[in-house]
Amino acid sequence: MAARIKKGDKVTVLAGKDKGKTGEVLLVIPERDRVLVQGINLVKKHQKQTASEEAGIKQKELSIHVSNVAIIDSETSKPTRIGFKFLDDGKKVRYAKKSGEVIDG
């Protein structure tokens, strides 16, 4: 599968408890088709004390399936699907299907 969503992309959540929220992709896990989005799918983890960390209840993000997120089109500020095309110099780039704008230049 081609990498439609990459680290650093601004995405919006399409389904689940955080539907409608937006965030930046922190990590992509291609072998499991999942992404880690900043501030999305937060859970509380009970942390045991270690030599480097204090004990307590920590909040952390869990991954979300890639089908439940969509890239935000920078031109329209709305979710859009991603397509691929080749530029005149032969470089393959991603583009927003709604506006036709190239995402990675």
Protein backbone atom coordinates (compact mmCIF):
# COMPACT_ATOMS: atom_id res chain seq x y z
CA MET A 1 0.00 0.00 0.00
CA ALA A 2 1.28 3.43 -0.89
CA ALA A 3 2.00 5.87 1.93
CA ARG A 4 -0.98 8.21 1.67
CA ILE A 5 -0.55 9.60 5.20
CA LYS A 6 2.89 10.58 6.46
CA LYS A 7 4.43 11.90 9.67
CA GLY A 8 3.71 15.60 10.11
CA ASP A 9 0.43 15.64 8.14
CA LYS A 10 -2.54 17.48 9.63
CA VAL A 11 -5.45 15.03 9.85
CA THR A 12 -9.01 14.93 11.10
CA VAL A 13 -10.69 11.92 12.73
CA LEU A 14 -13.64 10.52 10.76
CA ALA A 15 -14.91 7.87 13.22
CA GLY A 16 -14.70 6.86 16.85
CA LYS A 17 -14.83 8.67 20.18
CA ASP A 18 -12.68 11.55 18.88
CA LYS A 19 -14.69 12.11 15.67
CA GLY A 20 -14.24 15.64 14.34
CA LYS A 21 -11.01 16.38 16.23
CA THR A 22 -7.83 17.32 14.38
CA GLY A 23 -4.18 16.72 15.11
CA GLU A 24 -0.75 16.10 13.66
CA VAL A 25 0.51 12.63 12.79
CA LEU A 26 3.35 11.69 15.16
CA LEU A 27 4.05 8.15 13.94
CA VAL A 28 2.95 5.89 11.09
CA ILE A 29 2.86 2.11 11.59
CA PRO A 30 2.52 0.80 8.00
CA GLU A 31 2.65 -2.92 8.83
CA ARG A 32 -0.49 -2.55 10.99
CA ASP A 33 -2.13 0.28 8.95
CA ARG A 34 -2.24 2.55 12.00
CA VAL A 35 -1.22 6.12 12.83
CA LEU A 36 -0.48 7.91 16.10
CA VAL A 37 -2.12 11.35 16.17
CA GLN A 38 -1.26 14.03 18.72
CA GLY A 39 -4.07 14.49 21.28
CA ILE A 40 -6.28 11.77 19.77
CA ASN A 41 -7.34 8.45 21.37
CA LEU A 42 -6.00 9.42 24.80
CA VAL A 43 -6.02 6.75 27.51
CA LYS A 44 -4.93 6.75 31.13
CA LYS A 45 -2.11 4.37 32.00
CA HIS A 46 -1.28 3.41 35.58
CA GLN A 47 2.51 3.71 35.75
CA LYS A 48 4.56 1.78 38.28
CA GLN A 49 7.54 3.62 39.69
CA THR A 50 10.87 2.97 37.98
CA ALA A 51 14.35 4.37 38.43
CA SER A 52 13.69 7.05 35.81
CA GLU A 53 9.94 7.69 36.20
CA GLU A 54 7.62 8.63 39.02
CA ALA A 55 4.58 6.46 39.79
CA GLY A 56 1.15 7.79 38.86
CA ILE A 57 -1.56 7.89 36.25
CA LYS A 58 -0.20 9.08 32.90
CA GLN A 59 -2.11 10.05 29.77
CA LYS A 60 -0.85 8.80 26.43
CA GLU A 61 -2.03 8.46 22.85
CA LEU A 62 -2.82 5.10 21.31
CA SER A 63 -2.78 4.45 17.59
CA ILE A 64 -5.87 4.76 15.40
CA HIS A 65 -6.59 2.90 12.18
CA VAL A 66 -5.57 4.79 9.06
CA SER A 67 -9.08 4.40 7.56
CA ASN A 68 -10.49 6.54 10.38
CA VAL A 69 -8.43 9.64 9.51
CA ALA A 70 -8.32 11.98 6.52
CA ILE A 71 -5.79 14.64 5.58
CA ILE A 72 -6.95 18.24 5.90
CA ASP A 73 -6.73 20.16 2.64
CA SER A 74 -4.69 23.30 3.35
CA GLU A 75 -6.66 25.28 0.75
CA THR A 76 -10.21 24.48 1.95
CA SER A 77 -9.48 23.37 5.55
CA LYS A 78 -11.73 20.32 5.01
CA PRO A 79 -10.94 16.58 4.91
CA THR A 80 -9.91 15.29 1.51
CA ARG A 81 -8.81 12.09 -0.15
CA ILE A 82 -5.29 11.72 -1.48
CA GLY A 83 -4.20 10.90 -5.00
CA PHE A 84 -0.84 10.44 -6.67
CA LYS A 85 0.45 12.06 -9.84
CA PHE A 86 3.71 12.66 -11.62
CA LEU A 87 5.05 16.16 -12.17
CA ASP A 88 6.69 17.29 -15.40
CA ASP A 89 10.14 16.46 -14.02
CA GLY A 90 8.99 12.86 -13.29
CA LYS A 91 8.67 13.26 -9.53
CA LYS A 92 5.75 11.37 -7.91
CA VAL A 93 3.77 13.56 -5.48
CA ARG A 94 0.61 13.37 -3.37
CA TYR A 95 -2.23 15.77 -4.13
CA ALA A 96 -5.57 16.67 -2.56
CA LYS A 97 -8.42 15.33 -4.68
CA LYS A 98 -10.86 18.14 -3.68
CA SER A 99 -8.67 21.10 -4.65
CA GLY A 100 -5.98 19.45 -6.80
CA GLU A 101 -3.27 21.09 -4.67
CA VAL A 102 0.07 19.26 -4.38
CA ILE A 103 0.75 18.21 -0.77
CA ASP A 104 4.47 17.43 -0.89
CA GLY A 105 6.32 19.75 -3.23
